[in-house]
Amino acid sequence: MITKTEVERIASLACIQLNDEELNQFTIQLNSILEYFDELAEIETELEEERRPNVVRPDDVTKSLTQEEALANAPRVENGYFRGPRIL
């Protein structure tokens, strides 16, 4: 459970000024959110994970471009590397 003092600290870190009514309201709302997370943590998820298909594809080794091929259409090249615009 989150306390009013903790809500005041969070508001201070976020540079938000809260009056007493807002402080009470945020304390109630944040506690409600935390209770919901506790409910979600209790849900059994092991079966769901087993039913999910494996969407990870295997890595296939293929031939890649040579350095010259990679740089062939570059607008600017210097010493075998792409040259980008100068940023100040």
C-alpha atoms as a PDB file:
ATOM      1  CA  MET A   1       0.000   0.000   0.000  1.00  0.00           C
ATOM      2  CA  ILE A   2       1.271   3.441  -0.906  1.00  0.00           C
ATOM      3  CA  THR A   3       1.022   6.212   1.688  1.00  0.00           C
ATOM      4  CA  LYS A   4       0.271   9.907   1.335  1.00  0.00           C
ATOM      5  CA  THR A   5       3.883  10.639   2.221  1.00  0.00           C
ATOM      6  CA  GLU A   6       5.050   8.497  -0.690  1.00  0.00           C
ATOM      7  CA  VAL A   7       2.616  10.232  -3.047  1.00  0.00           C
ATOM      8  CA  GLU A   8       3.954  13.590  -1.854  1.00  0.00           C
ATOM      9  CA  ARG A   9       7.499  12.389  -2.572  1.00  0.00           C
ATOM     10  CA  ILE A  10       6.549  11.180  -6.066  1.00  0.00           C
ATOM     11  CA  ALA A  11       4.800  14.490  -6.763  1.00  0.00           C
ATOM     12  CA  SER A  12       7.871  16.357  -5.551  1.00  0.00           C
ATOM     13  CA  LEU A  13      10.130  14.348  -7.873  1.00  0.00           C
ATOM     14  CA  ALA A  14       7.772  15.098 -10.779  1.00  0.00           C
ATOM     15  CA  CYS A  15       7.670  18.803  -9.809  1.00  0.00           C
ATOM     16  CA  ILE A  16       3.890  18.630  -9.279  1.00  0.00           C
ATOM     17  CA  GLN A  17       2.194  20.543  -6.497  1.00  0.00           C
ATOM     18  CA  LEU A  18      -0.830  18.764  -4.987  1.00  0.00           C
ATOM     19  CA  ASN A  19      -3.376  20.122  -2.554  1.00  0.00           C
ATOM     20  CA  ASP A  20      -4.853  17.877   0.168  1.00  0.00           C
ATOM     21  CA  GLU A  21      -7.830  16.805  -1.960  1.00  0.00           C
ATOM     22  CA  GLU A  22      -5.591  15.860  -4.908  1.00  0.00           C
ATOM     23  CA  LEU A  23      -3.197  14.085  -2.569  1.00  0.00           C
ATOM     24  CA  ASN A  24      -6.048  11.932  -1.205  1.00  0.00           C
ATOM     25  CA  GLN A  25      -7.371  11.252  -4.707  1.00  0.00           C
ATOM     26  CA  PHE A  26      -3.971  10.204  -6.079  1.00  0.00           C
ATOM     27  CA  THR A  27      -3.284   8.007  -3.052  1.00  0.00           C
ATOM     28  CA  ILE A  28      -6.564   6.150  -3.611  1.00  0.00           C
ATOM     29  CA  GLN A  29      -5.967   5.846  -7.372  1.00  0.00           C
ATOM     30  CA  LEU A  30      -2.384   4.617  -7.048  1.00  0.00           C
ATOM     31  CA  ASN A  31      -3.400   2.033  -4.456  1.00  0.00           C
ATOM     32  CA  SER A  32      -6.160   0.856  -6.780  1.00  0.00           C
ATOM     33  CA  ILE A  33      -3.631   0.430  -9.598  1.00  0.00           C
ATOM     34  CA  LEU A  34      -1.241  -1.489  -7.335  1.00  0.00           C
ATOM     35  CA  GLU A  35      -4.074  -3.790  -6.191  1.00  0.00           C
ATOM     36  CA  TYR A  36      -4.866  -4.515  -9.832  1.00  0.00           C
ATOM     37  CA  PHE A  37      -1.225  -5.463 -10.459  1.00  0.00           C
ATOM     38  CA  ASP A  38      -1.433  -7.850  -7.483  1.00  0.00           C
ATOM     39  CA  GLU A  39      -4.487  -9.483  -9.087  1.00  0.00           C
ATOM     40  CA  LEU A  40      -2.656  -9.820 -12.402  1.00  0.00           C
ATOM     41  CA  ALA A  41       0.332 -11.418 -10.669  1.00  0.00           C
ATOM     42  CA  GLU A  42      -1.924 -14.189  -9.338  1.00  0.00           C
ATOM     43  CA  ILE A  43      -3.151 -15.255 -12.789  1.00  0.00           C
ATOM     44  CA  GLU A  44      -1.867 -18.659 -13.935  1.00  0.00           C
ATOM     45  CA  THR A  45       0.053 -18.079 -17.154  1.00  0.00           C
ATOM     46  CA  GLU A  46       2.096 -21.271 -17.580  1.00  0.00           C
ATOM     47  CA  LEU A  47      -0.523 -22.972 -19.764  1.00  0.00           C
ATOM     48  CA  GLU A  48      -0.828 -19.950 -22.018  1.00  0.00           C
ATOM     49  CA  GLU A  49       2.911 -19.900 -22.657  1.00  0.00           C
ATOM     50  CA  GLU A  50       2.851 -23.535 -23.762  1.00  0.00           C
ATOM     51  CA  ARG A  51       0.108 -22.840 -26.320  1.00  0.00           C
ATOM     52  CA  ARG A  52       1.896 -19.973 -28.001  1.00  0.00           C
ATOM     53  CA  PRO A  53       3.495 -20.874 -31.307  1.00  0.00           C
ATOM     54  CA  ASN A  54       7.224 -20.463 -31.711  1.00  0.00           C
ATOM     55  CA  VAL A  55       7.552 -17.321 -33.807  1.00  0.00           C
ATOM     56  CA  VAL A  56      11.335 -17.228 -33.741  1.00  0.00           C
ATOM     57  CA  ARG A  57      12.745 -18.169 -37.108  1.00  0.00           C
ATOM     58  CA  PRO A  58      16.077 -19.930 -37.409  1.00  0.00           C
ATOM     59  CA  ASP A  59      19.073 -17.876 -38.460  1.00  0.00           C
ATOM     60  CA  ASP A  60      20.214 -18.748 -41.959  1.00  0.00           C
ATOM     61  CA  VAL A  61      23.749 -17.864 -42.940  1.00  0.00           C
ATOM     62  CA  THR A  62      23.766 -16.129 -46.313  1.00  0.00           C
ATOM     63  CA  LYS A  63      26.349 -14.297 -48.368  1.00  0.00           C
ATOM     64  CA  SER A  64      26.601 -10.628 -47.461  1.00  0.00           C
ATOM     65  CA  LEU A  65      27.751  -7.635 -49.473  1.00  0.00           C
ATOM     66  CA  THR A  66      31.401  -6.818 -49.839  1.00  0.00           C
ATOM     67  CA  GLN A  67      32.561  -3.465 -48.540  1.00  0.00           C
ATOM     68  CA  GLU A  68      32.794  -2.132 -52.097  1.00  0.00           C
ATOM     69  CA  GLU A  69      29.248  -3.296 -52.921  1.00  0.00           C
ATOM     70  CA  ALA A  70      27.873  -1.738 -49.745  1.00  0.00           C
ATOM     71  CA  LEU A  71      29.529   1.609 -50.478  1.00  0.00           C
ATOM     72  CA  ALA A  72      28.774   1.607 -54.230  1.00  0.00           C
ATOM     73  CA  ASN A  73      25.709   3.896 -54.036  1.00  0.00           C
ATOM     74  CA  ALA A  74      26.726   5.961 -51.019  1.00  0.00           C
ATOM     75  CA  PRO A  75      26.661   9.696 -51.682  1.00  0.00           C
ATOM     76  CA  ARG A  76      29.892  10.221 -49.692  1.00  0.00           C
ATOM     77  CA  VAL A  77      32.624   7.741 -48.797  1.00  0.00           C
ATOM     78  CA  GLU A  78      35.872   8.329 -46.929  1.00  0.00           C
ATOM     79  CA  ASN A  79      38.594   5.767 -46.194  1.00  0.00           C
ATOM     80  CA  GLY A  80      36.255   2.872 -46.914  1.00  0.00           C
ATOM     81  CA  TYR A  81      33.423   4.126 -44.647  1.00  0.00           C
ATOM     82  CA  PHE A  82      30.128   5.951 -45.136  1.00  0.00           C
ATOM     83  CA  ARG A  83      30.594   9.672 -44.572  1.00  0.00           C
ATOM     84  CA  GLY A  84      27.648  11.490 -43.033  1.00  0.00           C
ATOM     85  CA  PRO A  85      26.912  15.191 -42.757  1.00  0.00           C
ATOM     86  CA  ARG A  86      28.875  17.208 -40.257  1.00  0.00           C
ATOM     87  CA  ILE A  87      26.914  18.014 -37.129  1.00  0.00           C
ATOM     88  CA  LEU A  88      27.910  20.970 -35.003  1.00  0.00           C
END
